[in-house]
N, C-alpha and C. Protein backbone atom coordinates (compact mmCIF):
# COMPACT_ATOMS: atom_id res chain seq x y z
N MET A 1 0.90 -1.23 0.20
CA MET A 1 -0.21 -0.08 -0.01
C MET A 1 0.74 1.33 -0.41
N SER A 2 2.16 1.24 0.68
CA SER A 2 2.78 2.39 0.56
C SER A 2 3.78 2.33 -0.57
N ASP A 3 3.75 1.26 -1.50
CA ASP A 3 4.62 1.64 -2.79
C ASP A 3 3.08 2.60 -3.40
N PHE A 4 2.43 2.02 -3.26
CA PHE A 4 1.12 2.82 -4.29
C PHE A 4 1.18 3.96 -4.18
N PHE A 5 1.07 4.29 -2.73
CA PHE A 5 1.61 5.97 -2.45
C PHE A 5 2.57 6.38 -3.06
N VAL A 6 3.34 6.08 -2.58
CA VAL A 6 4.65 6.71 -3.28
C VAL A 6 4.97 7.27 -4.65
N ALA A 7 4.36 5.84 -5.26
CA ALA A 7 4.56 5.93 -6.68
C ALA A 7 3.79 7.13 -7.25
N GLY A 8 2.80 7.71 -6.36
CA GLY A 8 1.52 8.40 -7.06
C GLY A 8 2.23 9.57 -7.13
N GLY A 9 3.53 10.06 -6.55
CA GLY A 9 3.98 11.31 -6.18
C GLY A 9 3.57 12.41 -5.10
N TRP A 10 4.00 13.39 -5.70
CA TRP A 10 3.27 14.46 -4.60
C TRP A 10 1.77 14.67 -4.71
N GLY A 11 1.22 14.44 -5.87
CA GLY A 11 -0.57 14.99 -5.95
C GLY A 11 -0.90 13.79 -5.27
N MET A 12 -0.72 12.77 -3.98
CA MET A 12 -0.87 11.79 -3.58
C MET A 12 -1.47 12.81 -2.26
N TYR A 13 -0.86 13.53 -2.16
CA TYR A 13 -1.18 14.54 -0.51
C TYR A 13 -2.32 15.45 -0.55
N PRO A 14 -2.31 16.13 -1.84
CA PRO A 14 -4.00 16.45 -1.93
C PRO A 14 -4.76 15.99 -1.85
N THR A 15 -4.68 15.25 -2.95
CA THR A 15 -5.94 14.10 -3.20
C THR A 15 -6.19 13.52 -1.64
N LEU A 16 -5.39 13.22 -1.23
CA LEU A 16 -5.83 11.73 0.36
C LEU A 16 -6.49 13.35 1.34
N LEU A 17 -5.74 14.41 1.32
CA LEU A 17 -6.27 15.48 2.24
C LEU A 17 -7.95 15.85 2.20
N ALA A 18 -7.78 16.04 0.77
CA ALA A 18 -9.03 16.23 0.55
C ALA A 18 -10.08 15.48 0.48
N GLY A 19 -9.69 13.98 0.34
CA GLY A 19 -10.57 12.85 0.08
C GLY A 19 -11.13 11.97 1.50
N LEU A 20 -9.91 12.91 2.64
CA LEU A 20 -9.91 12.00 4.21
C LEU A 20 -11.59 13.04 4.20
N GLY A 21 -11.38 14.49 4.27
CA GLY A 21 -12.10 15.26 4.19
C GLY A 21 -13.78 14.93 3.74
N LEU A 22 -13.50 14.84 2.83
CA LEU A 22 -14.54 14.43 1.96
C LEU A 22 -15.78 12.92 2.87
N LEU A 23 -14.22 12.36 3.50
CA LEU A 23 -15.14 11.31 3.72
C LEU A 23 -16.02 11.49 5.21
N VAL A 24 -14.72 12.16 5.93
CA VAL A 24 -15.48 13.03 7.55
C VAL A 24 -17.02 13.58 6.86
N ALA A 25 -16.82 14.36 6.25
CA ALA A 25 -18.18 14.86 5.80
C ALA A 25 -19.07 14.47 5.94
N SER A 26 -19.02 13.03 4.96
CA SER A 26 -20.09 12.41 4.09
C SER A 26 -20.57 11.00 5.37
N ILE A 27 -19.63 10.85 6.99
CA ILE A 27 -20.27 10.18 7.62
C ILE A 27 -20.58 10.86 8.80
N LEU A 28 -20.72 12.38 8.69
CA LEU A 28 -21.12 12.80 9.47
C LEU A 28 -22.77 13.25 9.11
N TYR A 29 -22.78 13.53 7.67
CA TYR A 29 -24.10 13.50 6.99
C TYR A 29 -24.82 12.48 6.96
N ALA A 30 -24.10 11.00 7.08
CA ALA A 30 -24.82 9.60 7.07
C ALA A 30 -25.33 9.41 8.51
N ARG A 31 -24.65 10.02 9.42
CA ARG A 31 -25.08 9.80 11.15
C ARG A 31 -26.08 10.83 11.31
N ASN A 32 -26.29 12.01 10.72
CA ASN A 32 -26.95 13.56 10.83
C ASN A 32 -26.97 14.14 9.96
N PRO A 33 -28.94 13.40 8.87
CA PRO A 33 -28.69 14.02 7.15
C PRO A 33 -28.87 15.11 7.22
N ASP A 34 -28.30 16.20 7.57
CA ASP A 34 -28.66 17.49 7.95
C ASP A 34 -27.99 18.43 6.11
N ARG A 35 -28.95 19.19 5.83
CA ARG A 35 -28.38 20.12 4.47
C ARG A 35 -27.51 20.82 4.85
N ARG A 36 -26.79 21.18 6.00
CA ARG A 36 -26.12 21.79 6.32
C ARG A 36 -24.28 21.16 5.55
N TYR A 37 -24.28 20.06 5.56
CA TYR A 37 -23.42 19.17 5.19
C TYR A 37 -23.40 18.90 3.69
N VAL A 38 -23.97 19.01 2.72
CA VAL A 38 -24.45 19.04 1.31
C VAL A 38 -23.34 20.13 0.40
N PRO A 39 -23.26 21.28 0.82
CA PRO A 39 -22.36 22.29 0.05
C PRO A 39 -20.92 21.48 0.34
N LEU A 40 -20.78 21.13 1.50
CA LEU A 40 -19.30 20.85 2.38
C LEU A 40 -18.98 19.43 1.68
N MET A 41 -19.65 18.64 0.98
CA MET A 41 -19.82 17.19 0.69
C MET A 41 -19.19 17.71 -1.12
N LEU A 42 -20.46 18.60 -1.51
CA LEU A 42 -19.96 18.29 -2.99
C LEU A 42 -18.25 19.77 -3.12
N SER A 43 -18.06 20.26 -2.24
CA SER A 43 -16.70 21.17 -2.96
C SER A 43 -15.70 20.08 -2.38
N LEU A 44 -15.72 18.99 -1.29
CA LEU A 44 -14.82 18.72 -1.20
C LEU A 44 -15.02 17.48 -2.06
N GLY A 45 -15.77 17.06 -2.79
CA GLY A 45 -15.53 16.15 -3.63
C GLY A 45 -14.89 16.91 -4.87
N VAL A 46 -15.45 17.91 -5.19
CA VAL A 46 -14.93 18.39 -6.52
C VAL A 46 -13.21 18.89 -5.86
N PHE A 47 -12.87 18.84 -4.73
CA PHE A 47 -11.75 19.24 -4.71
C PHE A 47 -10.65 18.12 -4.96
N THR A 48 -11.44 16.97 -4.45
CA THR A 48 -10.39 15.23 -4.56
C THR A 48 -10.53 15.04 -5.67
N LEU A 49 -11.47 15.30 -6.81
CA LEU A 49 -11.57 14.64 -8.34
C LEU A 49 -10.19 15.61 -9.06
N ILE A 50 -10.53 16.78 -8.56
CA ILE A 50 -9.52 18.18 -9.53
C ILE A 50 -8.17 17.58 -8.52
N ALA A 51 -7.83 17.60 -7.16
CA ALA A 51 -6.86 16.89 -6.77
C ALA A 51 -6.16 15.51 -7.47
N GLY A 52 -7.19 14.81 -7.78
CA GLY A 52 -6.38 13.36 -8.41
C GLY A 52 -5.96 14.06 -9.47
N GLY A 53 -6.74 14.57 -10.40
CA GLY A 53 -6.48 14.89 -12.25
C GLY A 53 -5.45 15.62 -11.96
N LEU A 54 -4.94 16.61 -11.27
CA LEU A 54 -4.16 17.11 -11.27
C LEU A 54 -3.00 16.54 -10.65
N GLY A 55 -2.39 15.58 -9.88
CA GLY A 55 -1.64 15.03 -9.94
C GLY A 55 -1.37 14.29 -10.90
N PHE A 56 -2.20 13.15 -11.53
CA PHE A 56 -2.22 12.84 -13.31
C PHE A 56 -1.76 13.50 -14.22
N VAL A 57 -1.80 14.67 -13.95
CA VAL A 57 -1.17 15.58 -14.87
C VAL A 57 0.01 15.65 -14.89
N THR A 58 0.36 16.20 -13.92
CA THR A 58 1.90 16.34 -13.47
C THR A 58 2.96 15.19 -13.36
N GLY A 59 1.80 14.02 -13.38
CA GLY A 59 3.03 12.89 -13.15
C GLY A 59 3.22 12.27 -14.99
N LEU A 60 2.11 13.08 -15.67
CA LEU A 60 2.16 13.02 -16.98
C LEU A 60 3.60 13.77 -17.25
N MET A 61 3.77 14.74 -17.30
CA MET A 61 4.40 16.26 -17.61
C MET A 61 5.81 15.68 -16.99
N VAL A 62 5.71 14.99 -16.06
CA VAL A 62 7.28 14.53 -15.72
C VAL A 62 7.72 13.10 -16.51
N CYS A 63 6.58 12.45 -16.66
CA CYS A 63 6.94 11.34 -17.61
C CYS A 63 7.45 11.74 -18.58
N LEU A 64 6.82 12.61 -19.47
CA LEU A 64 7.47 12.81 -21.06
C LEU A 64 8.21 13.53 -20.77
N ARG A 65 8.63 14.52 -19.66
CA ARG A 65 10.09 15.61 -19.46
C ARG A 65 11.40 15.20 -19.19
N ASN A 66 11.03 13.55 -18.66
CA ASN A 66 11.90 12.67 -18.19
C ASN A 66 12.29 11.95 -19.91
N TYR A 67 11.80 11.57 -20.67
CA TYR A 67 11.57 11.01 -21.89
C TYR A 67 12.77 11.34 -22.45
N SER A 68 13.77 10.89 -23.13
CA SER A 68 15.03 11.56 -23.41
C SER A 68 15.36 10.53 -24.84
N GLY A 69 14.21 10.26 -25.07
CA GLY A 69 14.65 9.23 -26.82
C GLY A 69 14.35 7.92 -26.37
N GLU A 70 14.81 7.15 -27.50
CA GLU A 70 15.09 5.65 -27.72
C GLU A 70 16.51 5.36 -26.67
N ALA A 71 15.88 4.62 -25.28
CA ALA A 71 16.36 4.18 -24.31
C ALA A 71 16.47 2.58 -24.47
N ALA A 72 17.96 2.04 -25.86
CA ALA A 72 18.09 0.90 -26.20
C ALA A 72 16.50 0.10 -26.46
N GLY A 73 15.67 0.03 -26.76
CA GLY A 73 14.06 0.14 -27.45
C GLY A 73 13.79 -0.16 -26.10
N GLN A 74 13.95 0.49 -25.14
CA GLN A 74 12.29 0.68 -24.28
C GLN A 74 11.05 1.57 -23.77
N THR A 75 11.38 2.20 -24.82
CA THR A 75 10.67 3.43 -24.88
C THR A 75 9.38 2.94 -24.46
N PRO A 76 8.34 2.36 -24.86
CA PRO A 76 6.84 2.18 -24.90
C PRO A 76 6.81 1.31 -23.28
N ILE A 77 7.62 0.78 -22.82
CA ILE A 77 7.87 0.30 -21.29
C ILE A 77 7.84 1.55 -20.70
N LEU A 78 8.70 2.46 -20.87
CA LEU A 78 8.98 3.72 -19.79
C LEU A 78 8.16 4.41 -20.20
N ILE A 79 7.60 4.67 -20.90
CA ILE A 79 6.45 5.21 -20.81
C ILE A 79 5.09 5.28 -19.96
N ALA A 80 4.81 3.48 -20.42
CA ALA A 80 3.73 2.74 -19.82
C ALA A 80 4.01 2.91 -18.24
N TYR A 81 5.26 2.69 -17.92
CA TYR A 81 5.68 2.85 -16.53
C TYR A 81 5.04 4.34 -15.57
N GLY A 82 5.67 5.05 -16.55
CA GLY A 82 5.14 6.25 -15.97
C GLY A 82 3.32 6.50 -16.16
N LEU A 83 3.23 6.70 -17.00
CA LEU A 83 2.00 6.49 -16.94
C LEU A 83 0.86 5.59 -15.94
N GLU A 84 1.58 4.05 -15.90
CA GLU A 84 0.67 3.95 -14.48
C GLU A 84 0.88 4.51 -13.49
N GLU A 85 1.99 4.86 -13.39
CA GLU A 85 2.82 5.57 -11.96
C GLU A 85 1.82 6.48 -11.71
N SER A 86 1.17 7.46 -13.16
CA SER A 86 0.75 8.64 -13.15
C SER A 86 -1.05 8.36 -12.60
N LEU A 87 -1.47 7.46 -13.30
CA LEU A 87 -3.06 7.26 -12.87
C LEU A 87 -2.84 6.60 -11.28
N HIS A 88 -1.97 6.43 -10.63
CA HIS A 88 -2.22 6.12 -9.13
C HIS A 88 -3.09 7.52 -8.86
N ASN A 89 -3.29 8.88 -8.60
CA ASN A 89 -3.56 9.71 -8.06
C ASN A 89 -5.33 9.69 -8.63
N ILE A 90 -5.36 9.35 -9.90
CA ILE A 90 -6.83 9.22 -10.27
C ILE A 90 -7.24 7.88 -9.66
N VAL A 91 -7.04 6.72 -9.14
CA VAL A 91 -7.23 5.73 -8.29
C VAL A 91 -7.57 6.33 -6.99
N LEU A 92 -6.83 6.60 -6.40
CA LEU A 92 -7.51 7.23 -5.81
C LEU A 92 -8.37 8.58 -4.68
N ALA A 93 -8.45 9.32 -6.45
CA ALA A 93 -9.46 10.60 -5.87
C ALA A 93 -10.82 9.90 -5.95
N LEU A 94 -11.01 8.46 -7.34
CA LEU A 94 -11.96 7.70 -7.55
C LEU A 94 -12.23 6.59 -6.20
N LEU A 95 -11.36 6.36 -5.71
CA LEU A 95 -11.93 5.29 -4.55
C LEU A 95 -12.44 5.70 -3.24
N LEU A 96 -11.75 7.21 -2.78
CA LEU A 96 -12.36 8.01 -1.84
C LEU A 96 -13.37 8.63 -2.42
N SER A 97 -13.78 9.30 -3.34
CA SER A 97 -15.20 9.57 -3.51
C SER A 97 -16.20 8.82 -3.77
N MET A 98 -15.77 7.67 -4.36
CA MET A 98 -16.69 6.32 -4.13
C MET A 98 -17.13 5.85 -2.55
N LEU A 99 -15.79 5.67 -1.83
CA LEU A 99 -16.27 5.55 -0.63
C LEU A 99 -17.19 6.62 -0.21
N ALA A 100 -16.89 8.15 -0.18
CA ALA A 100 -17.61 9.00 0.54
C ALA A 100 -19.20 9.17 -0.49
N ALA A 101 -19.52 8.34 -1.25
CA ALA A 101 -20.73 8.43 -2.10
C ALA A 101 -21.44 7.56 -1.55
N LEU A 102 -20.79 6.61 -0.95
CA LEU A 102 -21.73 5.38 -0.36
C LEU A 102 -22.40 6.10 1.00
N PHE A 103 -21.15 6.75 1.63
CA PHE A 103 -22.08 7.28 3.07
C PHE A 103 -23.11 8.05 2.70
N ALA A 104 -22.68 9.54 1.90
CA ALA A 104 -23.42 10.19 1.61
C ALA A 104 -25.09 9.30 0.71
N SER A 105 -25.01 8.31 0.51
CA SER A 105 -26.23 7.48 0.15
C SER A 105 -26.98 7.30 1.10
N VAL A 106 -26.18 6.71 2.40
CA VAL A 106 -26.66 6.47 3.22
C VAL A 106 -27.41 7.57 3.94
N GLY A 107 -26.97 8.56 3.98
CA GLY A 107 -27.26 9.72 4.44
C GLY A 107 -28.93 9.99 3.43
N ALA A 108 -28.41 10.30 2.58
CA ALA A 108 -30.10 10.39 1.46
C ALA A 108 -30.75 9.52 1.95
N TRP A 109 -30.76 8.09 2.49
CA TRP A 109 -31.68 7.24 2.27
C TRP A 109 -32.40 7.46 3.93
N ARG A 110 -31.42 7.91 4.80
CA ARG A 110 -32.00 8.28 6.24
C ARG A 110 -33.17 9.80 6.32
N LEU A 111 -32.39 10.73 5.28
CA LEU A 111 -32.92 11.51 5.33
C LEU A 111 -34.52 11.43 4.72
N SER A 112 -34.88 10.63 3.69
CA SER A 112 -36.14 10.03 2.75
C SER A 112 -36.61 9.74 3.68
N ARG A 113 -36.23 8.57 4.58
CA ARG A 113 -36.99 7.71 5.74
C ARG A 113 -38.00 8.36 6.45
N GLN A 114 -37.27 9.73 7.47
CA GLN A 114 -37.33 10.53 8.10
C GLN A 114 -38.28 11.98 7.25
N LEU A 115 -38.14 12.21 6.24
CA LEU A 115 -39.62 12.89 5.41
C LEU A 115 -40.87 11.96 5.36
N GLN A 116 -40.67 10.87 5.28
CA GLN A 116 -41.99 9.98 4.93
C GLN A 116 -43.05 9.94 6.42
N ALA A 117 -41.76 9.95 7.85
CA ALA A 117 -42.15 9.57 8.83
C ALA A 117 -42.68 10.64 9.17
N ALA A 118 -42.33 12.18 8.93
CA ALA A 118 -42.88 13.07 9.75
C ALA A 118 -44.46 13.07 9.16
N PRO A 119 -45.17 13.67 10.19
CA PRO A 119 -46.16 13.95 10.01
C PRO A 119 -46.97 14.79 8.69
N ALA A 120 -47.88 14.58 7.79
CA ALA A 120 -48.68 15.78 6.81
C ALA A 120 -49.04 16.99 7.09
N ARG A 121 -48.44 18.10 6.10
CA ARG A 121 -49.25 18.87 6.94
C ARG A 121 -50.23 19.93 5.91
């Protein structure tokens, strides 16, 4: 697991921080489905995905910058490794967003149950 994180480079840190904040907000929403958590979850979700995308793009830039021509026929392999390492940022962002969406779905389900149980006005 630490190899996965290290391979992603510096972009993993903002992605992880934003994703953990998103997870906390979505868990709070799942426990107490209050509207005040929705803007926070949305903004942290966007931030998580943007941070993952930025880490991916900067990883691609480093990969292509360090490519210096044919290295004894290893060019496709070297570029493939660079792409694979860059994709770690996207994977982390998607995993954290998926977990947060699961908790947010639980909160939305609980909120709908509360609204159904409320007396009609």
